[in-house]
N, C-alpha and C. Protein backbone atom coordinates (compact mmCIF):
# COMPACT_ATOMS: atom_id res chain seq x y z
N UNK A 1 -35.17 4.09 -27.91
CA UNK A 1 -34.19 5.16 -28.04
C UNK A 1 -33.90 5.79 -26.68
N UNK A 2 -34.96 6.11 -25.92
CA UNK A 2 -34.77 6.76 -24.62
C UNK A 2 -34.03 5.83 -23.66
N UNK A 3 -34.37 4.54 -23.67
CA UNK A 3 -33.68 3.59 -22.80
C UNK A 3 -32.21 3.48 -23.16
N UNK A 4 -31.94 3.54 -24.45
CA UNK A 4 -30.54 3.47 -24.89
C UNK A 4 -29.75 4.68 -24.38
N UNK A 5 -30.35 5.86 -24.44
CA UNK A 5 -29.69 7.07 -23.94
C UNK A 5 -29.49 6.99 -22.43
N UNK A 6 -30.49 6.45 -21.73
CA UNK A 6 -30.35 6.27 -20.28
C UNK A 6 -29.21 5.32 -19.96
N UNK A 7 -29.10 4.24 -20.74
CA UNK A 7 -28.03 3.27 -20.53
C UNK A 7 -26.66 3.92 -20.78
N UNK A 8 -26.56 4.70 -21.85
CA UNK A 8 -25.30 5.39 -22.13
C UNK A 8 -24.94 6.37 -21.02
N UNK A 9 -25.94 7.10 -20.54
CA UNK A 9 -25.72 8.06 -19.47
C UNK A 9 -25.27 7.35 -18.20
N UNK A 10 -25.90 6.23 -17.88
CA UNK A 10 -25.54 5.46 -16.69
C UNK A 10 -24.12 4.91 -16.82
N UNK A 11 -23.79 4.39 -17.98
CA UNK A 11 -22.43 3.88 -18.20
C UNK A 11 -21.40 4.98 -18.06
N UNK A 12 -21.72 6.15 -18.55
CA UNK A 12 -20.81 7.29 -18.45
C UNK A 12 -20.62 7.69 -16.98
N UNK A 13 -21.72 7.72 -16.24
CA UNK A 13 -21.65 8.09 -14.82
C UNK A 13 -20.83 7.05 -14.04
N UNK A 14 -21.03 5.78 -14.33
CA UNK A 14 -20.27 4.73 -13.65
C UNK A 14 -18.79 4.82 -13.97
N UNK A 15 -18.47 5.10 -15.22
CA UNK A 15 -17.06 5.23 -15.61
C UNK A 15 -16.42 6.40 -14.89
N UNK A 16 -17.15 7.51 -14.77
CA UNK A 16 -16.61 8.68 -14.06
C UNK A 16 -16.43 8.37 -12.58
N UNK A 17 -17.38 7.65 -11.99
CA UNK A 17 -17.29 7.28 -10.58
C UNK A 17 -16.08 6.37 -10.34
N UNK A 18 -15.87 5.40 -11.24
CA UNK A 18 -14.71 4.51 -11.11
C UNK A 18 -13.41 5.30 -11.23
N UNK A 19 -13.38 6.28 -12.13
CA UNK A 19 -12.19 7.11 -12.28
C UNK A 19 -11.92 7.91 -11.01
N UNK A 20 -13.00 8.46 -10.41
CA UNK A 20 -12.84 9.23 -9.17
C UNK A 20 -12.34 8.33 -8.04
N UNK A 21 -12.82 7.08 -8.00
CA UNK A 21 -12.33 6.13 -6.99
C UNK A 21 -10.85 5.85 -7.20
N UNK A 22 -10.45 5.69 -8.47
CA UNK A 22 -9.04 5.45 -8.78
C UNK A 22 -8.18 6.63 -8.34
N UNK A 23 -8.65 7.85 -8.61
CA UNK A 23 -7.90 9.05 -8.23
C UNK A 23 -7.78 9.13 -6.71
N UNK A 24 -8.87 8.84 -6.01
CA UNK A 24 -8.84 8.89 -4.54
C UNK A 24 -7.87 7.85 -4.00
N UNK A 25 -7.90 6.63 -4.55
CA UNK A 25 -6.98 5.58 -4.10
C UNK A 25 -5.54 5.98 -4.36
N UNK A 26 -5.28 6.60 -5.50
CA UNK A 26 -3.92 7.03 -5.83
C UNK A 26 -3.43 8.09 -4.85
N UNK A 27 -4.31 9.03 -4.48
CA UNK A 27 -3.92 10.07 -3.52
C UNK A 27 -3.63 9.47 -2.15
N UNK A 28 -4.43 8.47 -1.75
CA UNK A 28 -4.20 7.81 -0.46
C UNK A 28 -2.86 7.09 -0.48
N UNK A 29 -2.58 6.37 -1.56
CA UNK A 29 -1.29 5.67 -1.66
C UNK A 29 -0.12 6.64 -1.64
N UNK A 30 -0.25 7.75 -2.35
CA UNK A 30 0.82 8.75 -2.34
C UNK A 30 1.05 9.30 -0.94
N UNK A 31 -0.04 9.54 -0.21
CA UNK A 31 0.09 10.05 1.15
C UNK A 31 0.78 9.02 2.05
N UNK A 32 0.42 7.74 1.89
CA UNK A 32 1.04 6.69 2.69
C UNK A 32 2.53 6.60 2.40
N UNK A 33 2.90 6.62 1.12
CA UNK A 33 4.31 6.54 0.77
C UNK A 33 5.08 7.77 1.24
N UNK A 34 4.45 8.94 1.17
CA UNK A 34 5.11 10.15 1.70
C UNK A 34 5.34 10.02 3.20
N UNK A 35 4.36 9.45 3.90
CA UNK A 35 4.51 9.25 5.33
C UNK A 35 5.65 8.28 5.63
N UNK A 36 5.73 7.19 4.87
CA UNK A 36 6.81 6.21 5.06
C UNK A 36 8.17 6.86 4.78
N UNK A 37 8.26 7.62 3.68
CA UNK A 37 9.52 8.29 3.35
C UNK A 37 9.94 9.24 4.47
N UNK A 38 8.99 10.00 4.98
CA UNK A 38 9.30 10.95 6.05
C UNK A 38 9.74 10.22 7.32
N UNK A 39 9.05 9.14 7.65
CA UNK A 39 9.40 8.39 8.85
C UNK A 39 10.80 7.79 8.72
N UNK A 40 11.13 7.23 7.57
CA UNK A 40 12.45 6.63 7.36
C UNK A 40 13.52 7.71 7.43
N UNK A 41 13.24 8.87 6.81
CA UNK A 41 14.23 9.96 6.83
C UNK A 41 14.45 10.47 8.25
N UNK A 42 13.38 10.55 9.03
CA UNK A 42 13.50 11.03 10.41
C UNK A 42 14.30 10.05 11.27
N UNK A 43 14.13 8.76 11.03
CA UNK A 43 14.82 7.75 11.84
C UNK A 43 16.26 7.56 11.40
N UNK A 44 16.48 7.49 10.08
CA UNK A 44 17.81 7.14 9.58
C UNK A 44 18.59 8.31 9.01
N UNK A 45 17.89 9.38 8.66
CA UNK A 45 18.56 10.51 8.00
C UNK A 45 18.76 10.28 6.52
N UNK A 46 18.24 9.17 6.01
CA UNK A 46 18.40 8.82 4.58
C UNK A 46 17.06 9.04 3.88
N UNK A 47 17.09 9.81 2.79
CA UNK A 47 15.88 10.03 2.02
C UNK A 47 15.69 8.91 1.00
N UNK A 48 14.47 8.37 0.93
CA UNK A 48 14.16 7.32 -0.04
C UNK A 48 13.79 7.93 -1.38
N UNK A 49 14.17 7.27 -2.44
CA UNK A 49 13.88 7.78 -3.78
C UNK A 49 12.80 6.93 -4.46
N UNK A 50 11.57 7.04 -3.97
CA UNK A 50 10.44 6.42 -4.67
C UNK A 50 9.24 7.29 -4.56
């Protein structure tokens, strides 16, 4: 019983860690795309819609 609870707890912690990694990766991608949009707008004067 105790080992089963430990396994469930570990699986829950791993799932939360994977979710946090996904959120961090998403924030990095958003920052990169914002940087690209800003750079294109500064060079061309045209705002990108993505």
